PDB file of N, CA and C in Angstrom:
ATOM      1  N   MET A   1      18.140  16.507  16.785  1.00  0.00           N
ATOM      2  CA  MET A   1      17.591  16.801  15.477  1.00  0.00           C
ATOM      3  C   MET A   1      18.276  15.966  14.397  1.00  0.00           C
ATOM      4  N   ARG A   2      19.555  15.650  14.621  1.00  0.00           N
ATOM      5  CA  ARG A   2      20.298  14.863  13.656  1.00  0.00           C
ATOM      6  C   ARG A   2      19.691  13.465  13.523  1.00  0.00           C
ATOM      7  N   ASN A   3      19.247  12.894  14.648  1.00  0.00           N
ATOM      8  CA  ASN A   3      18.663  11.554  14.631  1.00  0.00           C
ATOM      9  C   ASN A   3      17.396  11.518  13.791  1.00  0.00           C
ATOM     10  N   ILE A   4      16.556  12.510  13.931  1.00  0.00           N
ATOM     11  CA  ILE A   4      15.309  12.560  13.174  1.00  0.00           C
ATOM     12  C   ILE A   4      15.599  12.657  11.684  1.00  0.00           C
ATOM     13  N   ARG A   5      16.574  13.464  11.328  1.00  0.00           N
ATOM     14  CA  ARG A   5      16.942  13.629   9.922  1.00  0.00           C
ATOM     15  C   ARG A   5      17.470  12.304   9.356  1.00  0.00           C
ATOM     16  N   GLU A   6      18.286  11.583  10.133  1.00  0.00           N
ATOM     17  CA  GLU A   6      18.819  10.305   9.677  1.00  0.00           C
ATOM     18  C   GLU A   6      17.723   9.256   9.538  1.00  0.00           C
ATOM     19  N   ILE A   7      16.784   9.256  10.469  1.00  0.00           N
ATOM     20  CA  ILE A   7      15.697   8.284  10.408  1.00  0.00           C
ATOM     21  C   ILE A   7      14.837   8.528   9.173  1.00  0.00           C
ATOM     22  N   TRP A   8      14.525   9.780   8.865  1.00  0.00           N
ATOM     23  CA  TRP A   8      13.743  10.080   7.672  1.00  0.00           C
ATOM     24  C   TRP A   8      14.504   9.702   6.410  1.00  0.00           C
ATOM     25  N   TYR A   9      15.815   9.922   6.434  1.00  0.00           N
ATOM     26  CA  TYR A   9      16.635   9.546   5.281  1.00  0.00           C
ATOM     27  C   TYR A   9      16.581   8.032   5.063  1.00  0.00           C
ATOM     28  N   LEU A  10      16.733   7.264   6.131  1.00  0.00           N
ATOM     29  CA  LEU A  10      16.713   5.812   6.004  1.00  0.00           C
ATOM     30  C   LEU A  10      15.339   5.298   5.575  1.00  0.00           C
ATOM     31  N   HIS A  11      14.279   5.888   6.103  1.00  0.00           N
ATOM     32  CA  HIS A  11      12.940   5.468   5.696  1.00  0.00           C
ATOM     33  C   HIS A  11      12.681   5.771   4.224  1.00  0.00           C
ATOM     34  N   SER A  12      13.111   6.927   3.768  1.00  0.00           N
ATOM     35  CA  SER A  12      12.899   7.257   2.357  1.00  0.00           C
ATOM     36  C   SER A  12      13.750   6.360   1.466  1.00  0.00           C
ATOM     37  N   LEU A  13      14.946   6.028   1.920  1.00  0.00           N
ATOM     38  CA  LEU A  13      15.795   5.124   1.155  1.00  0.00           C
ATOM     39  C   LEU A  13      15.152   3.749   1.044  1.00  0.00           C
ATOM     40  N   HIS A  14      14.568   3.262   2.132  1.00  0.00           N
ATOM     41  CA  HIS A  14      13.890   1.968   2.093  1.00  0.00           C
ATOM     42  C   HIS A  14      12.605   2.044   1.258  1.00  0.00           C
ATOM     43  N   ALA A  15      11.917   3.144   1.327  1.00  0.00           N
ATOM     44  CA  ALA A  15      10.685   3.294   0.549  1.00  0.00           C
ATOM     45  C   ALA A  15      10.974   3.240  -0.949  1.00  0.00           C
ATOM     46  N   ILE A  16      12.142   3.653  -1.353  1.00  0.00           N
ATOM     47  CA  ILE A  16      12.527   3.600  -2.758  1.00  0.00           C
ATOM     48  C   ILE A  16      13.174   2.254  -3.097  1.00  0.00           C
ATOM     49  N   GLY A  17      14.030   1.774  -2.210  1.00  0.00           N
ATOM     50  CA  GLY A  17      14.809   0.570  -2.490  1.00  0.00           C
ATOM     51  C   GLY A  17      14.032  -0.726  -2.467  1.00  0.00           C
ATOM     52  N   ILE A  18      13.091  -0.859  -1.553  1.00  0.00           N
ATOM     53  CA  ILE A  18      12.348  -2.122  -1.440  1.00  0.00           C
ATOM     54  C   ILE A  18      11.521  -2.410  -2.693  1.00  0.00           C
ATOM     55  N   PRO A  19      10.759  -1.460  -3.227  1.00  0.00           N
ATOM     56  CA  PRO A  19      10.030  -1.757  -4.470  1.00  0.00           C
ATOM     57  C   PRO A  19      10.955  -2.087  -5.651  1.00  0.00           C
ATOM     58  N   ILE A  20      12.092  -1.419  -5.714  1.00  0.00           N
ATOM     59  CA  ILE A  20      13.036  -1.716  -6.793  1.00  0.00           C
ATOM     60  C   ILE A  20      13.555  -3.141  -6.650  1.00  0.00           C
ATOM     61  N   ALA A  21      13.891  -3.524  -5.410  1.00  0.00           N
ATOM     62  CA  ALA A  21      14.374  -4.885  -5.172  1.00  0.00           C
ATOM     63  C   ALA A  21      13.277  -5.918  -5.428  1.00  0.00           C
ATOM     64  N   ALA A  22      12.030  -5.533  -5.224  1.00  0.00           N
ATOM     65  CA  ALA A  22      10.913  -6.452  -5.439  1.00  0.00           C
ATOM     66  C   ALA A  22      10.586  -6.625  -6.920  1.00  0.00           C
ATOM     67  N   GLY A  23      11.134  -5.781  -7.776  1.00  0.00           N
ATOM     68  CA  GLY A  23      10.931  -5.947  -9.207  1.00  0.00           C
ATOM     69  C   GLY A  23       9.919  -5.018  -9.826  1.00  0.00           C
ATOM     70  N   VAL A  24       9.671  -3.886  -9.229  1.00  0.00           N
ATOM     71  CA  VAL A  24       8.705  -2.935  -9.783  1.00  0.00           C
ATOM     72  C   VAL A  24       9.142  -2.443 -11.164  1.00  0.00           C
ATOM     73  N   LEU A  25      10.444  -2.356 -11.369  1.00  0.00           N
ATOM     74  CA  LEU A  25      10.956  -1.862 -12.648  1.00  0.00           C
ATOM     75  C   LEU A  25      11.109  -2.960 -13.690  1.00  0.00           C
ATOM     76  N   TYR A  26      10.701  -4.178 -13.371  1.00  0.00           N
ATOM     77  CA  TYR A  26      10.821  -5.299 -14.308  1.00  0.00           C
ATOM     78  C   TYR A  26      10.086  -5.058 -15.628  1.00  0.00           C
ATOM     79  N   PRO A  27       8.855  -4.511 -15.617  1.00  0.00           N
ATOM     80  CA  PRO A  27       8.184  -4.258 -16.902  1.00  0.00           C
ATOM     81  C   PRO A  27       8.956  -3.298 -17.813  1.00  0.00           C
ATOM     82  N   ALA A  28       9.770  -2.447 -17.246  1.00  0.00           N
ATOM     83  CA  ALA A  28      10.564  -1.518 -18.052  1.00  0.00           C
ATOM     84  C   ALA A  28      11.916  -2.127 -18.426  1.00  0.00           C
ATOM     85  N   SER A  29      12.080  -3.435 -18.180  1.00  0.00           N
ATOM     86  CA  SER A  29      13.324  -4.168 -18.480  1.00  0.00           C
ATOM     87  C   SER A  29      14.513  -3.662 -17.674  1.00  0.00           C
ATOM     88  N   LEU A  30      14.247  -3.092 -16.518  1.00  0.00           N
ATOM     89  CA  LEU A  30      15.321  -2.665 -15.624  1.00  0.00           C
ATOM     90  C   LEU A  30      15.371  -3.643 -14.454  1.00  0.00           C
ATOM     91  N   LEU A  31      16.429  -4.422 -14.404  1.00  0.00           N
ATOM     92  CA  LEU A  31      16.568  -5.409 -13.353  1.00  0.00           C
ATOM     93  C   LEU A  31      17.716  -5.044 -12.431  1.00  0.00           C
ATOM     94  N   LEU A  32      17.545  -5.357 -11.167  1.00  0.00           N
ATOM     95  CA  LEU A  32      18.574  -5.121 -10.168  1.00  0.00           C
ATOM     96  C   LEU A  32      19.385  -6.391 -10.007  1.00  0.00           C
ATOM     97  N   SER A  33      20.678  -6.273 -10.127  1.00  0.00           N
ATOM     98  CA  SER A  33      21.554  -7.424  -9.981  1.00  0.00           C
ATOM     99  C   SER A  33      21.450  -7.966  -8.553  1.00  0.00           C
ATOM    100  N   PRO A  34      21.435  -9.270  -8.386  1.00  0.00           N
ATOM    101  CA  PRO A  34      21.377  -9.834  -7.044  1.00  0.00           C
ATOM    102  C   PRO A  34      22.564  -9.423  -6.170  1.00  0.00           C
ATOM    103  N   ILE A  35      23.710  -9.214  -6.790  1.00  0.00           N
ATOM    104  CA  ILE A  35      24.887  -8.782  -6.034  1.00  0.00           C
ATOM    105  C   ILE A  35      24.680  -7.378  -5.488  1.00  0.00           C
ATOM    106  N   VAL A  36      24.132  -6.499  -6.292  1.00  0.00           N
ATOM    107  CA  VAL A  36      23.858  -5.128  -5.854  1.00  0.00           C
ATOM    108  C   VAL A  36      22.795  -5.127  -4.765  1.00  0.00           C
ATOM    109  N   ALA A  37      21.782  -5.962  -4.923  1.00  0.00           N
ATOM    110  CA  ALA A  37      20.729  -6.046  -3.913  1.00  0.00           C
ATOM    111  C   ALA A  37      21.282  -6.559  -2.588  1.00  0.00           C
ATOM    112  N   ALA A  38      22.140  -7.565  -2.636  1.00  0.00           N
ATOM    113  CA  ALA A  38      22.750  -8.102  -1.418  1.00  0.00           C
ATOM    114  C   ALA A  38      23.643  -7.061  -0.748  1.00  0.00           C
ATOM    115  N   LEU A  39      24.379  -6.315  -1.536  1.00  0.00           N
ATOM    116  CA  LEU A  39      25.238  -5.265  -0.983  1.00  0.00           C
ATOM    117  C   LEU A  39      24.406  -4.173  -0.323  1.00  0.00           C
ATOM    118  N   ALA A  40      23.334  -3.769  -0.979  1.00  0.00           N
ATOM    119  CA  ALA A  40      22.466  -2.734  -0.417  1.00  0.00           C
ATOM    120  C   ALA A  40      21.816  -3.206   0.878  1.00  0.00           C
ATOM    121  N   MET A  41      21.405  -4.448   0.924  1.00  0.00           N
ATOM    122  CA  MET A  41      20.783  -4.985   2.128  1.00  0.00           C
ATOM    123  C   MET A  41      21.798  -5.078   3.267  1.00  0.00           C
ATOM    124  N   SER A  42      23.011  -5.475   2.958  1.00  0.00           N
ATOM    125  CA  SER A  42      24.063  -5.547   3.973  1.00  0.00           C
ATOM    126  C   SER A  42      24.384  -4.169   4.539  1.00  0.00           C
ATOM    127  N   LEU A  43      24.519  -3.194   3.658  1.00  0.00           N
ATOM    128  CA  LEU A  43      24.802  -1.835   4.115  1.00  0.00           C
ATOM    129  C   LEU A  43      23.650  -1.271   4.939  1.00  0.00           C
ATOM    130  N   SER A  44      22.436  -1.628   4.584  1.00  0.00           N
ATOM    131  CA  SER A  44      21.281  -1.189   5.349  1.00  0.00           C
ATOM    132  C   SER A  44      21.313  -1.772   6.755  1.00  0.00           C
ATOM    133  N   SER A  45      21.624  -3.044   6.860  1.00  0.00           N
ATOM    134  CA  SER A  45      21.704  -3.687   8.175  1.00  0.00           C
ATOM    135  C   SER A  45      22.802  -3.065   9.027  1.00  0.00           C
ATOM    136  N   VAL A  46      23.941  -2.810   8.426  1.00  0.00           N
ATOM    137  CA  VAL A  46      25.045  -2.195   9.159  1.00  0.00           C
ATOM    138  C   VAL A  46      24.659  -0.803   9.635  1.00  0.00           C
ATOM    139  N   SER A  47      23.979  -0.029   8.797  1.00  0.00           N
ATOM    140  CA  SER A  47      23.591   1.329   9.200  1.00  0.00           C
ATOM    141  C   SER A  47      22.580   1.301  10.346  1.00  0.00           C
ATOM    142  N   VAL A  48      21.670   0.331  10.343  1.00  0.00           N
ATOM    143  CA  VAL A  48      20.701   0.216  11.437  1.00  0.00           C
ATOM    144  C   VAL A  48      21.403  -0.128  12.738  1.00  0.00           C
ATOM    145  N   ILE A  49      22.353  -1.067  12.693  1.00  0.00           N
ATOM    146  CA  ILE A  49      23.076  -1.470  13.902  1.00  0.00           C
ATOM    147  C   ILE A  49      23.912  -0.323  14.441  1.00  0.00           C
ATOM    148  N   VAL A  50      24.614   0.370  13.567  1.00  0.00           N
ATOM    149  CA  VAL A  50      25.449   1.497  14.010  1.00  0.00           C
ATOM    150  C   VAL A  50      24.588   2.592  14.627  1.00  0.00           C
ATOM    151  N   ASN A  51      23.444   2.874  14.026  1.00  0.00           N
ATOM    152  CA  ASN A  51      22.557   3.905  14.561  1.00  0.00           C
ATOM    153  C   ASN A  51      22.009   3.491  15.927  1.00  0.00           C
ATOM    154  N   ALA A  52      21.644   2.212  16.091  1.00  0.00           N
ATOM    155  CA  ALA A  52      21.140   1.737  17.381  1.00  0.00           C
ATOM    156  C   ALA A  52      22.211   1.831  18.456  1.00  0.00           C
ATOM    157  N   LEU A  53      23.433   1.460  18.127  1.00  0.00           N
ATOM    158  CA  LEU A  53      24.518   1.548  19.103  1.00  0.00           C
ATOM    159  C   LEU A  53      24.824   3.001  19.466  1.00  0.00           C
ATOM    160  N   ARG A  54      24.747   3.885  18.481  1.00  0.00           N
ATOM    161  CA  ARG A  54      24.992   5.303  18.751  1.00  0.00           C
ATOM    162  C   ARG A  54      23.915   5.872  19.674  1.00  0.00           C
ATOM    163  N   LEU A  55      22.664   5.487  19.428  1.00  0.00           N
ATOM    164  CA  LEU A  55      21.579   5.966  20.289  1.00  0.00           C
ATOM    165  C   LEU A  55      21.718   5.418  21.703  1.00  0.00           C
ATOM    166  N   ARG A  56      22.133   4.163  21.840  1.00  0.00           N
ATOM    167  CA  ARG A  56      22.338   3.581  23.167  1.00  0.00           C
ATOM    168  C   ARG A  56      23.432   4.337  23.914  1.00  0.00           C
ATOM    169  N   THR A  57      24.496   4.703  23.213  1.00  0.00           N
ATOM    170  CA  THR A  57      25.577   5.455  23.839  1.00  0.00           C
ATOM    171  C   THR A  57      25.094   6.829  24.278  1.00  0.00           C
ATOM    172  N   LEU A  58      24.292   7.491  23.452  1.00  0.00           N
ATOM    173  CA  LEU A  58      23.783   8.805  23.807  1.00  0.00           C
ATOM    174  C   LEU A  58      22.856   8.727  25.024  1.00  0.00           C
ATOM    175  N   GLU A  59      22.047   7.669  25.106  1.00  0.00           N
ATOM    176  CA  GLU A  59      21.175   7.491  26.264  1.00  0.00           C
ATOM    177  C   GLU A  59      21.979   7.258  27.529  1.00  0.00           C
ATOM    178  N   ALA A  60      23.053   6.491  27.429  1.00  0.00           N
ATOM    179  CA  ALA A  60      23.894   6.224  28.599  1.00  0.00           C
ATOM    180  C   ALA A  60      24.568   7.495  29.083  1.00  0.00           C
ATOM    181  N   LEU A  61      24.976   8.337  28.155  1.00  0.00           N
ATOM    182  CA  LEU A  61      25.627   9.588  28.537  1.00  0.00           C
ATOM    183  C   LEU A  61      24.629  10.574  29.150  1.00  0.00           C
ATOM    184  N   ALA A  62      23.387  10.531  28.705  1.00  0.00           N
ATOM    185  CA  ALA A  62      22.370  11.451  29.208  1.00  0.00           C
ATOM    186  C   ALA A  62      21.949  11.087  30.635  1.00  0.00           C
ATOM    187  N   GLY A  63      22.041   9.823  30.968  1.00  0.00           N
ATOM    188  CA  GLY A  63      21.668   9.389  32.326  1.00  0.00           C
ATOM    189  C   GLY A  63      20.185   9.150  32.456  1.00  0.00           C
ATOM    190  N   PRO A  64      19.773   8.723  33.651  1.00  0.00           N
ATOM    191  CA  PRO A  64      18.353   8.386  33.872  1.00  0.00           C
ATOM    192  C   PRO A  64      17.451   9.591  33.944  1.00  0.00           C
TER     193      PRO A  64
END
C-alpha cells in the first residue's frame, strides 16, 4: 500500500511541477529560476531511481 501512495504522490507532484516549469505562471509574472528547476528535476530523477531499486529489492525478497 505504501508503494501506491508514493506513486500517487509523485504523479501529483509532476502534474503540478511540469506546467510550472513550462511557464504556465509566466502571464502572472511568476517565473521559476532555472537553478530551482534543475534542482527539482535532479531530485525527481533520484527519487525515481531509489523507488525502482527499492521495488527490485522487494521483488527479490518475495521470490518467484
